[in-house]
Amino acid sequence: MKKNKPVFATTDQTVVPLFSKVFYFKVLKDLDLKRILKIAQKQKLGEAGIQGPQDVDNMSLGSVNKSLLRRKEFKFLKTRLLEEFNFFKNEVLRFNDTKFVITTSWLAKSLPGQSSNYHNHQNCYYSGVLYFQVNDNTGKISFESWNNHRYHLIPSNFNIYNSSEYTFTPRDGLLILFPSEVAHKILKNESSSERWSLAFNVNPTGKIGPKEGDSFINLNIL
């Protein structure tokens, strides 16, 4: 049996979250969040997202520059985020032989009353968000499953197996990594404070797939 095809030993009664979406949460206590905020406040911002008829009335803001982590002043942060992602992809996903790079990165800022639409990130493998100025009321992050559901069933109690939506309250220093296809949005900032975070996307680069297969590619991302 090949090592990439594990056999699961079942018992008389077993619940297996097979093919689930893998999220990673980690509070990065070693980061200087005040330094990050000071740099972020110097960046040019505009309305986030793509304008459309379903937009919320008061849209959160995003940095105009979508490659912020390439800037010299953010080099220390890029290094730390890649370090954490590499730990996740090696120790959890076990993609030890695949190199990943950060492709796009930007700031997100929500003023009091602002929020965002549900959206996902295409042309990406994993996405991440780091919070560096939040509190319990500046706006949770909500994730929603866009998988097709044949029936609208309402459970007596919601849990990780039957829910199509989950929300999390961010905290300062929290890093969340999640598959880029998962829909998510910023809930309304119900505080009098600004909400700040930095988001980024990650993709594999290099030789991907078995060389003898018809899906092998040599993907070079700068």
N, C-alpha and C. Protein backbone atom coordinates (compact mmCIF):
# COMPACT_ATOMS: atom_id res chain seq x y z
N MET A 1 0.84 -1.19 0.00
CA MET A 1 0.00 0.00 0.00
C MET A 1 0.89 1.25 0.00
N LYS A 2 0.61 2.20 -0.90
CA LYS A 2 1.40 3.41 -0.99
C LYS A 2 1.16 4.28 0.24
N LYS A 3 2.21 5.01 0.63
CA LYS A 3 2.11 5.81 1.84
C LYS A 3 1.11 6.94 1.72
N ASN A 4 0.74 7.35 0.48
CA ASN A 4 -0.21 8.43 0.33
C ASN A 4 -1.65 7.92 0.22
N LYS A 5 -1.85 6.65 0.50
CA LYS A 5 -3.20 6.08 0.51
C LYS A 5 -3.41 5.32 1.81
N PRO A 6 -3.67 6.07 2.90
CA PRO A 6 -3.79 5.42 4.21
C PRO A 6 -5.04 4.56 4.31
N VAL A 7 -4.96 3.55 5.13
CA VAL A 7 -6.10 2.69 5.42
C VAL A 7 -6.59 3.03 6.82
N PHE A 8 -7.87 3.34 6.92
CA PHE A 8 -8.44 3.69 8.21
C PHE A 8 -9.06 2.46 8.84
N ALA A 9 -8.61 2.13 10.03
CA ALA A 9 -9.13 0.96 10.73
C ALA A 9 -10.39 1.35 11.49
N THR A 10 -11.52 0.88 11.03
CA THR A 10 -12.78 1.22 11.68
C THR A 10 -13.07 0.30 12.86
N THR A 11 -13.87 0.82 13.78
CA THR A 11 -14.35 0.01 14.89
C THR A 11 -15.84 -0.25 14.67
N ASP A 12 -16.51 -0.75 15.68
CA ASP A 12 -17.94 -1.04 15.52
C ASP A 12 -18.75 0.23 15.26
N GLN A 13 -18.29 1.37 15.80
CA GLN A 13 -18.99 2.63 15.58
C GLN A 13 -17.96 3.74 15.47
N THR A 14 -17.87 4.38 14.30
CA THR A 14 -16.83 5.37 14.05
C THR A 14 -17.40 6.55 13.26
N VAL A 15 -17.05 7.76 13.65
CA VAL A 15 -17.38 8.96 12.89
C VAL A 15 -16.09 9.49 12.29
N VAL A 16 -16.05 9.65 10.97
CA VAL A 16 -14.84 10.07 10.27
C VAL A 16 -15.15 11.33 9.45
N PRO A 17 -14.55 12.47 9.76
CA PRO A 17 -14.77 13.69 8.96
C PRO A 17 -13.97 13.63 7.66
N LEU A 18 -14.31 12.70 6.81
CA LEU A 18 -13.56 12.43 5.59
C LEU A 18 -13.66 13.59 4.60
N PHE A 19 -12.53 13.94 4.00
CA PHE A 19 -12.45 15.01 3.00
C PHE A 19 -12.91 16.37 3.55
N SER A 20 -12.69 16.59 4.83
CA SER A 20 -13.07 17.85 5.45
C SER A 20 -12.10 18.96 5.05
N LYS A 21 -12.50 20.20 5.26
CA LYS A 21 -11.63 21.35 5.03
C LYS A 21 -10.74 21.54 6.25
N VAL A 22 -9.45 21.74 6.03
CA VAL A 22 -8.50 21.83 7.13
C VAL A 22 -8.17 23.30 7.42
N PHE A 23 -8.54 23.75 8.61
CA PHE A 23 -8.24 25.10 9.08
C PHE A 23 -7.12 25.02 10.13
N TYR A 24 -6.34 26.08 10.22
CA TYR A 24 -5.25 26.14 11.19
C TYR A 24 -5.33 27.47 11.93
N PHE A 25 -5.34 27.41 13.26
CA PHE A 25 -5.40 28.60 14.10
C PHE A 25 -4.17 28.65 15.00
N LYS A 26 -3.53 29.81 15.05
CA LYS A 26 -2.35 29.96 15.89
C LYS A 26 -2.20 31.43 16.29
N VAL A 27 -2.02 31.69 17.58
CA VAL A 27 -1.74 33.04 18.05
C VAL A 27 -0.22 33.23 18.03
N LEU A 28 0.22 34.19 17.22
CA LEU A 28 1.65 34.46 17.07
C LEU A 28 2.05 35.49 18.12
N LYS A 29 2.45 35.01 19.27
CA LYS A 29 2.74 35.89 20.40
C LYS A 29 4.06 36.63 20.25
N ASP A 30 4.89 36.22 19.31
CA ASP A 30 6.20 36.83 19.15
C ASP A 30 6.19 38.06 18.24
N LEU A 31 5.06 38.37 17.61
CA LEU A 31 5.01 39.49 16.69
C LEU A 31 4.81 40.81 17.42
N ASP A 32 5.44 41.87 16.88
CA ASP A 32 5.26 43.22 17.39
C ASP A 32 4.06 43.83 16.66
N LEU A 33 2.87 43.69 17.23
CA LEU A 33 1.65 44.13 16.56
C LEU A 33 1.58 45.65 16.42
N LYS A 34 2.15 46.38 17.36
CA LYS A 34 2.16 47.84 17.26
C LYS A 34 3.02 48.29 16.08
N ARG A 35 4.09 47.58 15.83
CA ARG A 35 4.94 47.89 14.67
C ARG A 35 4.18 47.65 13.37
N ILE A 36 3.45 46.53 13.31
CA ILE A 36 2.67 46.21 12.11
C ILE A 36 1.61 47.27 11.88
N LEU A 37 0.90 47.67 12.94
CA LEU A 37 -0.15 48.69 12.82
C LEU A 37 0.43 50.01 12.34
N LYS A 38 1.57 50.40 12.86
CA LYS A 38 2.19 51.66 12.47
C LYS A 38 2.51 51.68 10.98
N ILE A 39 3.02 50.55 10.46
CA ILE A 39 3.33 50.46 9.03
C ILE A 39 2.03 50.45 8.22
N ALA A 40 1.03 49.71 8.71
CA ALA A 40 -0.24 49.58 7.99
C ALA A 40 -0.94 50.93 7.84
N GLN A 41 -0.86 51.76 8.85
CA GLN A 41 -1.56 53.04 8.82
C GLN A 41 -0.98 54.01 7.78
N LYS A 42 0.18 53.69 7.24
CA LYS A 42 0.79 54.53 6.21
C LYS A 42 0.39 54.12 4.79
N GLN A 43 -0.34 53.00 4.66
CA GLN A 43 -0.68 52.47 3.35
C GLN A 43 -1.96 53.11 2.80
N LYS A 44 -2.03 53.19 1.49
CA LYS A 44 -3.21 53.75 0.84
C LYS A 44 -4.32 52.71 0.80
N LEU A 45 -5.53 53.10 1.18
CA LEU A 45 -6.67 52.19 1.25
C LEU A 45 -7.79 52.64 0.32
N GLY A 46 -8.62 51.67 -0.08
CA GLY A 46 -9.81 51.95 -0.86
C GLY A 46 -10.88 50.94 -0.50
N GLU A 47 -12.06 51.07 -1.09
CA GLU A 47 -13.13 50.12 -0.80
C GLU A 47 -12.73 48.72 -1.24
N ALA A 48 -12.92 47.75 -0.39
CA ALA A 48 -12.48 46.39 -0.68
C ALA A 48 -13.48 45.66 -1.57
N GLY A 49 -13.01 44.61 -2.24
CA GLY A 49 -13.89 43.74 -3.01
C GLY A 49 -14.26 44.30 -4.36
N ILE A 50 -15.09 43.53 -5.07
CA ILE A 50 -15.58 43.90 -6.40
C ILE A 50 -17.00 44.42 -6.26
N GLN A 51 -17.27 45.59 -6.80
CA GLN A 51 -18.57 46.20 -6.64
C GLN A 51 -19.63 45.43 -7.42
N GLY A 52 -20.80 45.25 -6.78
CA GLY A 52 -21.89 44.53 -7.42
C GLY A 52 -23.19 44.80 -6.70
N PRO A 53 -24.31 44.29 -7.23
CA PRO A 53 -25.63 44.58 -6.66
C PRO A 53 -25.84 43.98 -5.28
N GLN A 54 -25.04 42.97 -4.90
CA GLN A 54 -25.20 42.32 -3.61
C GLN A 54 -24.29 42.89 -2.53
N ASP A 55 -23.60 43.98 -2.82
CA ASP A 55 -22.67 44.55 -1.87
C ASP A 55 -23.39 45.03 -0.61
N VAL A 56 -22.72 44.93 0.52
CA VAL A 56 -23.24 45.53 1.74
C VAL A 56 -23.19 47.04 1.60
N ASP A 57 -23.98 47.74 2.40
CA ASP A 57 -24.09 49.19 2.27
C ASP A 57 -22.81 49.92 2.65
N ASN A 58 -22.11 49.40 3.64
CA ASN A 58 -20.92 50.08 4.16
C ASN A 58 -19.74 49.11 4.12
N MET A 59 -19.06 49.07 2.98
CA MET A 59 -18.02 48.07 2.72
C MET A 59 -16.73 48.37 3.47
N SER A 60 -16.11 47.31 3.98
CA SER A 60 -14.80 47.44 4.61
C SER A 60 -13.77 47.93 3.60
N LEU A 61 -12.63 48.39 4.09
CA LEU A 61 -11.58 48.94 3.25
C LEU A 61 -10.46 47.92 3.05
N GLY A 62 -9.73 48.08 1.95
CA GLY A 62 -8.59 47.23 1.66
C GLY A 62 -7.46 48.06 1.08
N SER A 63 -6.24 47.58 1.25
CA SER A 63 -5.10 48.33 0.69
C SER A 63 -5.12 48.26 -0.83
N VAL A 64 -4.73 49.34 -1.46
CA VAL A 64 -4.63 49.38 -2.92
C VAL A 64 -3.55 48.42 -3.39
N ASN A 65 -2.45 48.36 -2.67
CA ASN A 65 -1.34 47.45 -2.97
C ASN A 65 -1.73 46.04 -2.56
N LYS A 66 -1.74 45.10 -3.51
CA LYS A 66 -2.09 43.72 -3.24
C LYS A 66 -0.84 42.82 -3.15
N SER A 67 0.31 43.44 -3.00
CA SER A 67 1.56 42.69 -2.82
C SER A 67 2.36 43.30 -1.67
N LEU A 68 1.69 43.59 -0.58
CA LEU A 68 2.31 44.32 0.52
C LEU A 68 3.50 43.58 1.13
N LEU A 69 3.42 42.26 1.20
CA LEU A 69 4.49 41.51 1.85
C LEU A 69 5.78 41.48 1.03
N ARG A 70 5.74 42.04 -0.17
CA ARG A 70 6.96 42.17 -0.96
C ARG A 70 7.71 43.46 -0.62
N ARG A 71 7.05 44.34 0.11
CA ARG A 71 7.68 45.60 0.48
C ARG A 71 8.72 45.36 1.58
N LYS A 72 9.77 46.16 1.54
CA LYS A 72 10.89 45.99 2.47
C LYS A 72 10.45 46.08 3.93
N GLU A 73 9.54 47.00 4.23
CA GLU A 73 9.15 47.20 5.62
C GLU A 73 8.31 46.04 6.18
N PHE A 74 7.79 45.18 5.29
CA PHE A 74 7.01 44.02 5.72
C PHE A 74 7.80 42.71 5.62
N LYS A 75 9.10 42.81 5.32
CA LYS A 75 9.90 41.60 5.13
C LYS A 75 9.88 40.70 6.36
N PHE A 76 10.00 41.30 7.55
CA PHE A 76 10.02 40.51 8.78
C PHE A 76 8.72 39.73 8.97
N LEU A 77 7.60 40.34 8.55
CA LEU A 77 6.30 39.69 8.70
C LEU A 77 6.13 38.57 7.68
N LYS A 78 6.57 38.80 6.45
CA LYS A 78 6.50 37.76 5.43
C LYS A 78 7.29 36.53 5.87
N THR A 79 8.47 36.74 6.40
CA THR A 79 9.30 35.63 6.88
C THR A 79 8.58 34.84 7.96
N ARG A 80 7.96 35.54 8.90
CA ARG A 80 7.27 34.85 10.00
C ARG A 80 6.03 34.10 9.53
N LEU A 81 5.26 34.68 8.63
CA LEU A 81 4.05 34.02 8.13
C LEU A 81 4.39 32.78 7.30
N LEU A 82 5.44 32.88 6.49
CA LEU A 82 5.87 31.71 5.72
C LEU A 82 6.39 30.61 6.64
N GLU A 83 7.07 31.00 7.69
CA GLU A 83 7.56 30.03 8.67
C GLU A 83 6.40 29.24 9.27
N GLU A 84 5.33 29.94 9.62
CA GLU A 84 4.18 29.27 10.23
C GLU A 84 3.43 28.43 9.20
N PHE A 85 3.29 28.95 7.97
CA PHE A 85 2.61 28.16 6.94
C PHE A 85 3.41 26.89 6.62
N ASN A 86 4.73 27.01 6.55
CA ASN A 86 5.56 25.84 6.26
C ASN A 86 5.45 24.79 7.36
N PHE A 87 5.34 25.24 8.61
CA PHE A 87 5.09 24.28 9.70
C PHE A 87 3.77 23.55 9.47
N PHE A 88 2.74 24.30 9.13
CA PHE A 88 1.42 23.71 8.89
C PHE A 88 1.43 22.73 7.72
N LYS A 89 2.03 23.13 6.61
CA LYS A 89 2.00 22.27 5.42
C LYS A 89 2.90 21.05 5.59
N ASN A 90 3.94 21.15 6.42
CA ASN A 90 4.82 20.00 6.65
C ASN A 90 4.31 19.07 7.74
N GLU A 91 3.89 19.62 8.87
CA GLU A 91 3.53 18.81 10.02
C GLU A 91 2.07 18.34 10.00
N VAL A 92 1.20 19.09 9.33
CA VAL A 92 -0.22 18.73 9.31
C VAL A 92 -0.60 18.13 7.95
N LEU A 93 -0.38 18.88 6.87
CA LEU A 93 -0.74 18.40 5.54
C LEU A 93 0.27 17.42 4.98
N ARG A 94 1.49 17.45 5.50
CA ARG A 94 2.57 16.55 5.07
C ARG A 94 2.99 16.76 3.61
N PHE A 95 2.97 18.01 3.17
CA PHE A 95 3.48 18.35 1.85
C PHE A 95 4.93 18.80 1.97
N ASN A 96 5.75 17.97 2.58
CA ASN A 96 7.13 18.34 2.89
C ASN A 96 7.98 18.61 1.65
N ASP A 97 7.66 17.94 0.55
CA ASP A 97 8.48 18.06 -0.65
C ASP A 97 7.98 19.12 -1.62
N THR A 98 6.96 19.86 -1.22
CA THR A 98 6.40 20.90 -2.09
C THR A 98 6.69 22.28 -1.50
N LYS A 99 7.22 23.16 -2.32
CA LYS A 99 7.50 24.53 -1.89
C LYS A 99 6.29 25.41 -2.18
N PHE A 100 6.00 26.31 -1.24
CA PHE A 100 4.89 27.25 -1.40
C PHE A 100 5.41 28.68 -1.31
N VAL A 101 4.75 29.58 -2.02
CA VAL A 101 5.11 30.99 -1.97
C VAL A 101 3.86 31.83 -1.75
N ILE A 102 4.04 32.99 -1.13
CA ILE A 102 2.95 33.94 -0.98
C ILE A 102 2.82 34.72 -2.28
N THR A 103 1.64 34.71 -2.86
CA THR A 103 1.44 35.37 -4.15
C THR A 103 0.88 36.77 -3.99
N THR A 104 -0.20 36.92 -3.25
CA THR A 104 -0.80 38.24 -3.04
C THR A 104 -0.98 38.48 -1.54
N SER A 105 -1.00 39.74 -1.16
CA SER A 105 -1.15 40.10 0.25
C SER A 105 -1.65 41.53 0.34
N TRP A 106 -2.54 41.79 1.31
CA TRP A 106 -3.17 43.10 1.40
C TRP A 106 -3.70 43.32 2.81
N LEU A 107 -3.99 44.58 3.10
CA LEU A 107 -4.56 44.96 4.39
C LEU A 107 -6.08 45.01 4.30
N ALA A 108 -6.73 44.75 5.42
CA ALA A 108 -8.18 44.91 5.54
C ALA A 108 -8.46 45.76 6.77
N LYS A 109 -9.27 46.78 6.58
CA LYS A 109 -9.60 47.70 7.68
C LYS A 109 -11.11 47.90 7.69
N SER A 110 -11.72 47.73 8.86
CA SER A 110 -13.15 47.97 9.03
C SER A 110 -13.35 49.09 10.02
N LEU A 111 -13.96 50.16 9.57
CA LEU A 111 -14.36 51.23 10.46
C LEU A 111 -15.66 50.84 11.17
N PRO A 112 -16.06 51.52 12.23
CA PRO A 112 -17.33 51.20 12.88
C PRO A 112 -18.48 51.17 11.88
N GLY A 113 -19.26 50.09 11.91
CA GLY A 113 -20.40 49.93 11.01
C GLY A 113 -20.09 49.23 9.71
N GLN A 114 -18.82 48.99 9.40
CA GLN A 114 -18.46 48.37 8.13
C GLN A 114 -18.41 46.85 8.23
N SER A 115 -18.58 46.21 7.07
CA SER A 115 -18.52 44.75 6.96
C SER A 115 -18.17 44.41 5.51
N SER A 116 -18.21 43.12 5.16
CA SER A 116 -17.92 42.72 3.78
C SER A 116 -18.90 41.66 3.32
N ASN A 117 -18.84 41.34 2.03
CA ASN A 117 -19.66 40.28 1.45
C ASN A 117 -18.97 38.93 1.58
N TYR A 118 -19.74 37.85 1.44
CA TYR A 118 -19.13 36.54 1.30
C TYR A 118 -18.34 36.49 0.00
N HIS A 119 -17.14 35.93 0.07
CA HIS A 119 -16.29 35.80 -1.11
C HIS A 119 -15.28 34.70 -0.86
N ASN A 120 -14.63 34.24 -1.91
CA ASN A 120 -13.49 33.33 -1.75
C ASN A 120 -12.37 33.82 -2.65
N HIS A 121 -11.24 33.11 -2.62
CA HIS A 121 -10.07 33.55 -3.38
C HIS A 121 -9.72 32.49 -4.42
N GLN A 122 -9.87 32.85 -5.68
CA GLN A 122 -9.57 31.93 -6.77
C GLN A 122 -8.10 32.05 -7.17
N ASN A 123 -7.64 31.07 -7.94
CA ASN A 123 -6.23 31.00 -8.36
C ASN A 123 -5.28 30.93 -7.17
N CYS A 124 -5.76 30.35 -6.08
CA CYS A 124 -4.95 30.21 -4.87
C CYS A 124 -5.19 28.84 -4.26
N TYR A 125 -4.24 28.40 -3.44
CA TYR A 125 -4.37 27.10 -2.77
C TYR A 125 -4.83 27.27 -1.32
N TYR A 126 -4.10 28.07 -0.56
CA TYR A 126 -4.48 28.39 0.82
C TYR A 126 -4.46 29.89 1.01
N SER A 127 -5.28 30.36 1.94
CA SER A 127 -5.33 31.77 2.29
C SER A 127 -5.09 31.92 3.78
N GLY A 128 -4.64 33.10 4.16
CA GLY A 128 -4.39 33.35 5.58
C GLY A 128 -4.80 34.76 5.95
N VAL A 129 -5.10 34.94 7.23
CA VAL A 129 -5.40 36.27 7.75
C VAL A 129 -4.78 36.40 9.13
N LEU A 130 -4.08 37.52 9.34
CA LEU A 130 -3.46 37.82 10.62
C LEU A 130 -4.12 39.07 11.19
N TYR A 131 -4.57 38.97 12.44
CA TYR A 131 -5.25 40.10 13.09
C TYR A 131 -4.25 40.83 14.01
N PHE A 132 -4.23 42.17 13.89
CA PHE A 132 -3.30 42.92 14.73
C PHE A 132 -3.94 44.11 15.42
N GLN A 133 -5.23 44.35 15.19
CA GLN A 133 -5.98 45.28 16.04
C GLN A 133 -7.46 44.91 15.97
N VAL A 134 -7.91 44.12 16.93
CA VAL A 134 -9.30 43.67 16.99
C VAL A 134 -9.72 43.58 18.46
N ASN A 135 -11.04 43.52 18.67
CA ASN A 135 -11.59 43.16 19.96
C ASN A 135 -12.86 42.34 19.73
N ASP A 136 -13.56 42.00 20.77
CA ASP A 136 -14.72 41.11 20.64
C ASP A 136 -15.84 41.69 19.78
N ASN A 137 -15.85 43.01 19.58
CA ASN A 137 -16.97 43.64 18.89
C ASN A 137 -16.60 44.30 17.56
N THR A 138 -15.33 44.19 17.14
CA THR A 138 -14.92 44.84 15.89
C THR A 138 -15.33 44.06 14.64
N GLY A 139 -15.87 42.87 14.80
CA GLY A 139 -16.33 42.10 13.65
C GLY A 139 -15.75 40.71 13.61
N LYS A 140 -16.61 39.71 13.75
CA LYS A 140 -16.17 38.33 13.66
C LYS A 140 -15.87 37.99 12.20
N ILE A 141 -15.23 36.84 11.97
CA ILE A 141 -15.09 36.31 10.62
C ILE A 141 -16.01 35.11 10.50
N SER A 142 -16.76 35.06 9.41
CA SER A 142 -17.72 33.98 9.19
C SER A 142 -17.30 33.18 7.96
N PHE A 143 -17.32 31.86 8.09
CA PHE A 143 -17.03 30.95 6.98
C PHE A 143 -18.31 30.21 6.60
N GLU A 144 -18.53 30.03 5.30
CA GLU A 144 -19.75 29.36 4.83
C GLU A 144 -19.40 28.33 3.78
N SER A 145 -20.07 27.19 3.84
CA SER A 145 -19.89 26.15 2.83
C SER A 145 -20.75 26.45 1.62
N TRP A 146 -20.11 26.49 0.46
CA TRP A 146 -20.84 26.68 -0.79
C TRP A 146 -21.10 25.36 -1.51
N ASN A 147 -20.88 24.25 -0.82
CA ASN A 147 -21.18 22.95 -1.41
C ASN A 147 -22.68 22.80 -1.58
N ASN A 148 -23.07 22.10 -2.61
CA ASN A 148 -24.50 21.90 -2.86
C ASN A 148 -25.11 20.99 -1.80
N HIS A 149 -26.25 21.40 -1.26
CA HIS A 149 -26.98 20.58 -0.29
C HIS A 149 -28.32 20.20 -0.91
N ARG A 150 -28.60 18.91 -0.93
CA ARG A 150 -29.82 18.43 -1.58
C ARG A 150 -31.08 18.77 -0.81
N TYR A 151 -30.97 18.85 0.53
CA TYR A 151 -32.14 19.14 1.35
C TYR A 151 -31.78 20.21 2.38
N HIS A 152 -32.75 21.03 2.71
CA HIS A 152 -32.55 22.04 3.74
C HIS A 152 -33.00 21.46 5.08
N LEU A 153 -32.10 20.74 5.71
CA LEU A 153 -32.41 20.09 6.98
C LEU A 153 -31.93 20.97 8.13
N ILE A 154 -32.73 21.05 9.18
CA ILE A 154 -32.41 21.87 10.33
C ILE A 154 -32.12 20.96 11.53
N PRO A 155 -30.88 20.89 11.99
CA PRO A 155 -30.53 20.01 13.12
C PRO A 155 -31.04 20.56 14.45
N SER A 156 -31.22 19.67 15.42
CA SER A 156 -31.65 20.09 16.75
C SER A 156 -30.51 20.81 17.48
N ASN A 157 -29.28 20.44 17.18
CA ASN A 157 -28.09 21.10 17.71
C ASN A 157 -27.05 21.17 16.61
N PHE A 158 -26.46 22.34 16.43
CA PHE A 158 -25.45 22.51 15.39
C PHE A 158 -24.08 22.06 15.91
N ASN A 159 -23.34 21.37 15.02
CA ASN A 159 -21.98 20.97 15.34
C ASN A 159 -21.14 21.01 14.07
N ILE A 160 -19.91 20.57 14.16
CA ILE A 160 -18.99 20.67 13.03
C ILE A 160 -19.39 19.77 11.87
N TYR A 161 -20.23 18.77 12.13
CA TYR A 161 -20.63 17.83 11.09
C TYR A 161 -21.86 18.30 10.30
N ASN A 162 -22.69 19.14 10.89
CA ASN A 162 -23.95 19.48 10.22
C ASN A 162 -24.09 20.97 9.90
N SER A 163 -23.12 21.79 10.26
CA SER A 163 -23.24 23.24 10.04
C SER A 163 -22.72 23.64 8.67
N SER A 164 -23.39 24.61 8.07
CA SER A 164 -22.92 25.16 6.80
C SER A 164 -22.27 26.52 6.99
N GLU A 165 -22.31 27.04 8.23
CA GLU A 165 -21.69 28.33 8.53
C GLU A 165 -21.08 28.29 9.93
N TYR A 166 -19.89 28.87 10.05
CA TYR A 166 -19.20 28.95 11.34
C TYR A 166 -18.62 30.35 11.48
N THR A 167 -18.70 30.92 12.67
CA THR A 167 -18.11 32.23 12.92
C THR A 167 -17.09 32.13 14.04
N PHE A 168 -16.06 32.97 13.95
CA PHE A 168 -14.99 33.00 14.95
C PHE A 168 -14.73 34.44 15.34
N THR A 169 -14.44 34.65 16.61
CA THR A 169 -14.09 35.98 17.11
C THR A 169 -12.57 36.11 17.08
N PRO A 170 -12.03 37.00 16.25
CA PRO A 170 -10.57 37.16 16.18
C PRO A 170 -10.01 37.74 17.47
N ARG A 171 -8.72 37.56 17.67
CA ARG A 171 -8.00 38.19 18.77
C ARG A 171 -6.67 38.68 18.23
N ASP A 172 -6.08 39.61 18.88
CA ASP A 172 -4.81 40.17 18.41
C ASP A 172 -3.74 39.08 18.33
N GLY A 173 -3.05 39.04 17.19
CA GLY A 173 -1.99 38.06 16.98
C GLY A 173 -2.46 36.75 16.39
N LEU A 174 -3.78 36.57 16.22
CA LEU A 174 -4.30 35.31 15.69
C LEU A 174 -4.04 35.19 14.20
N LEU A 175 -3.52 34.05 13.79
CA LEU A 175 -3.35 33.70 12.38
C LEU A 175 -4.30 32.56 12.05
N ILE A 176 -5.09 32.72 10.99
CA ILE A 176 -5.97 31.66 10.50
C ILE A 176 -5.53 31.29 9.10
N LEU A 177 -5.29 30.01 8.85
CA LEU A 177 -5.02 29.49 7.51
C LEU A 177 -6.19 28.61 7.10
N PHE A 178 -6.66 28.77 5.85
CA PHE A 178 -7.82 28.01 5.40
C PHE A 178 -7.76 27.83 3.88
N PRO A 179 -8.41 26.77 3.36
CA PRO A 179 -8.42 26.57 1.92
C PRO A 179 -9.06 27.76 1.21
N SER A 180 -8.43 28.20 0.13
CA SER A 180 -8.85 29.44 -0.52
C SER A 180 -10.25 29.39 -1.12
N GLU A 181 -10.76 28.19 -1.38
CA GLU A 181 -12.09 28.10 -1.98
C GLU A 181 -13.22 28.30 -0.97
N VAL A 182 -12.90 28.34 0.32
CA VAL A 182 -13.94 28.48 1.35
C VAL A 182 -14.43 29.93 1.39
N ALA A 183 -15.74 30.11 1.30
CA ALA A 183 -16.32 31.45 1.34
C ALA A 183 -16.24 32.01 2.76
N HIS A 184 -15.99 33.31 2.85
CA HIS A 184 -15.86 33.95 4.15
C HIS A 184 -16.21 35.43 4.02
N LYS A 185 -16.52 36.04 5.16
CA LYS A 185 -16.81 37.47 5.16
C LYS A 185 -16.53 38.06 6.54
N ILE A 186 -16.35 39.38 6.57
CA ILE A 186 -16.19 40.12 7.81
C ILE A 186 -17.57 40.56 8.27
N LEU A 187 -17.93 40.21 9.49
CA LEU A 187 -19.20 40.67 10.02
C LEU A 187 -19.08 42.12 10.50
N LYS A 188 -20.20 42.74 10.74
CA LYS A 188 -20.27 44.17 11.03
C LYS A 188 -19.44 44.55 12.25
N ASN A 189 -18.69 45.62 12.09
CA ASN A 189 -17.93 46.19 13.20
C ASN A 189 -18.91 46.96 14.10
N GLU A 190 -19.21 46.39 15.25
CA GLU A 190 -20.18 46.99 16.16
C GLU A 190 -19.51 47.70 17.33
N SER A 191 -18.26 48.10 17.12
CA SER A 191 -17.52 48.82 18.15
C SER A 191 -17.25 50.25 17.68
N SER A 192 -16.55 50.99 18.49
CA SER A 192 -16.12 52.34 18.11
C SER A 192 -14.66 52.35 17.68
N SER A 193 -14.08 51.16 17.51
CA SER A 193 -12.66 51.03 17.16
C SER A 193 -12.48 50.57 15.72
N GLU A 194 -11.30 50.81 15.18
CA GLU A 194 -10.94 50.30 13.86
C GLU A 194 -10.52 48.84 13.97
N ARG A 195 -10.87 48.07 12.99
CA ARG A 195 -10.49 46.65 12.92
C ARG A 195 -9.43 46.50 11.84
N TRP A 196 -8.26 45.94 12.18
CA TRP A 196 -7.16 45.80 11.23
C TRP A 196 -6.71 44.35 11.12
N SER A 197 -6.46 43.93 9.89
CA SER A 197 -5.89 42.60 9.65
C SER A 197 -5.10 42.63 8.35
N LEU A 198 -4.30 41.61 8.15
CA LEU A 198 -3.55 41.44 6.91
C LEU A 198 -3.87 40.06 6.35
N ALA A 199 -4.26 40.03 5.08
CA ALA A 199 -4.62 38.77 4.42
C ALA A 199 -3.60 38.44 3.34
N PHE A 200 -3.48 37.16 3.03
CA PHE A 200 -2.54 36.74 1.99
C PHE A 200 -2.97 35.40 1.40
N ASN A 201 -2.49 35.14 0.18
CA ASN A 201 -2.75 33.88 -0.51
C ASN A 201 -1.44 33.15 -0.78
N VAL A 202 -1.52 31.83 -0.78
CA VAL A 202 -0.34 30.98 -0.95
C VAL A 202 -0.59 29.97 -2.06
N ASN A 203 0.43 29.71 -2.86
CA ASN A 203 0.34 28.74 -3.94
C ASN A 203 1.59 27.86 -3.97
N PRO A 204 1.43 26.62 -4.47
CA PRO A 204 2.61 25.77 -4.65
C PRO A 204 3.41 26.23 -5.86
N THR A 205 4.70 25.96 -5.83
CA THR A 205 5.57 26.31 -6.95
C THR A 205 6.58 25.20 -7.16
N GLY A 206 7.11 25.11 -8.38
CA GLY A 206 8.07 24.06 -8.69
C GLY A 206 7.42 22.89 -9.41
N LYS A 207 8.02 21.71 -9.27
CA LYS A 207 7.53 20.51 -9.94
C LYS A 207 6.40 19.90 -9.12
N ILE A 208 5.22 19.80 -9.76
CA ILE A 208 4.02 19.37 -9.05
C ILE A 208 3.42 18.16 -9.76
N GLY A 209 3.22 17.10 -9.00
CA GLY A 209 2.61 15.89 -9.55
C GLY A 209 3.64 14.88 -10.00
N PRO A 210 3.22 13.63 -10.22
CA PRO A 210 4.14 12.59 -10.69
C PRO A 210 4.61 12.87 -12.11
N LYS A 211 5.93 12.76 -12.33
CA LYS A 211 6.47 13.08 -13.65
C LYS A 211 5.89 12.22 -14.76
N GLU A 212 5.51 10.99 -14.41
CA GLU A 212 4.97 10.11 -15.44
C GLU A 212 3.50 10.35 -15.72
N GLY A 213 2.87 11.22 -14.94
CA GLY A 213 1.43 11.45 -15.10
C GLY A 213 1.13 12.54 -16.11
N ASP A 214 -0.12 12.57 -16.58
CA ASP A 214 -0.51 13.56 -17.59
C ASP A 214 -0.87 14.91 -16.97
N SER A 215 -0.80 15.02 -15.63
CA SER A 215 -1.11 16.28 -14.97
C SER A 215 0.13 16.96 -14.39
N PHE A 216 1.29 16.42 -14.67
CA PHE A 216 2.54 16.99 -14.14
C PHE A 216 2.77 18.38 -14.71
N ILE A 217 3.15 19.32 -13.83
CA ILE A 217 3.49 20.67 -14.29
C ILE A 217 4.73 21.15 -13.54
N ASN A 218 5.46 22.05 -14.17
CA ASN A 218 6.57 22.74 -13.52
C ASN A 218 6.15 24.20 -13.42
N LEU A 219 5.62 24.55 -12.25
CA LEU A 219 5.02 25.84 -12.04
C LEU A 219 5.99 26.77 -11.33
N ASN A 220 6.44 27.78 -12.04
CA ASN A 220 7.42 28.71 -11.47
C ASN A 220 6.71 30.03 -11.15
N ILE A 221 6.53 30.28 -9.87
CA ILE A 221 5.90 31.52 -9.39
C ILE A 221 6.98 32.39 -8.78
N LEU A 222 7.12 33.59 -9.28
CA LEU A 222 8.14 34.51 -8.79
C LEU A 222 7.68 35.20 -7.51
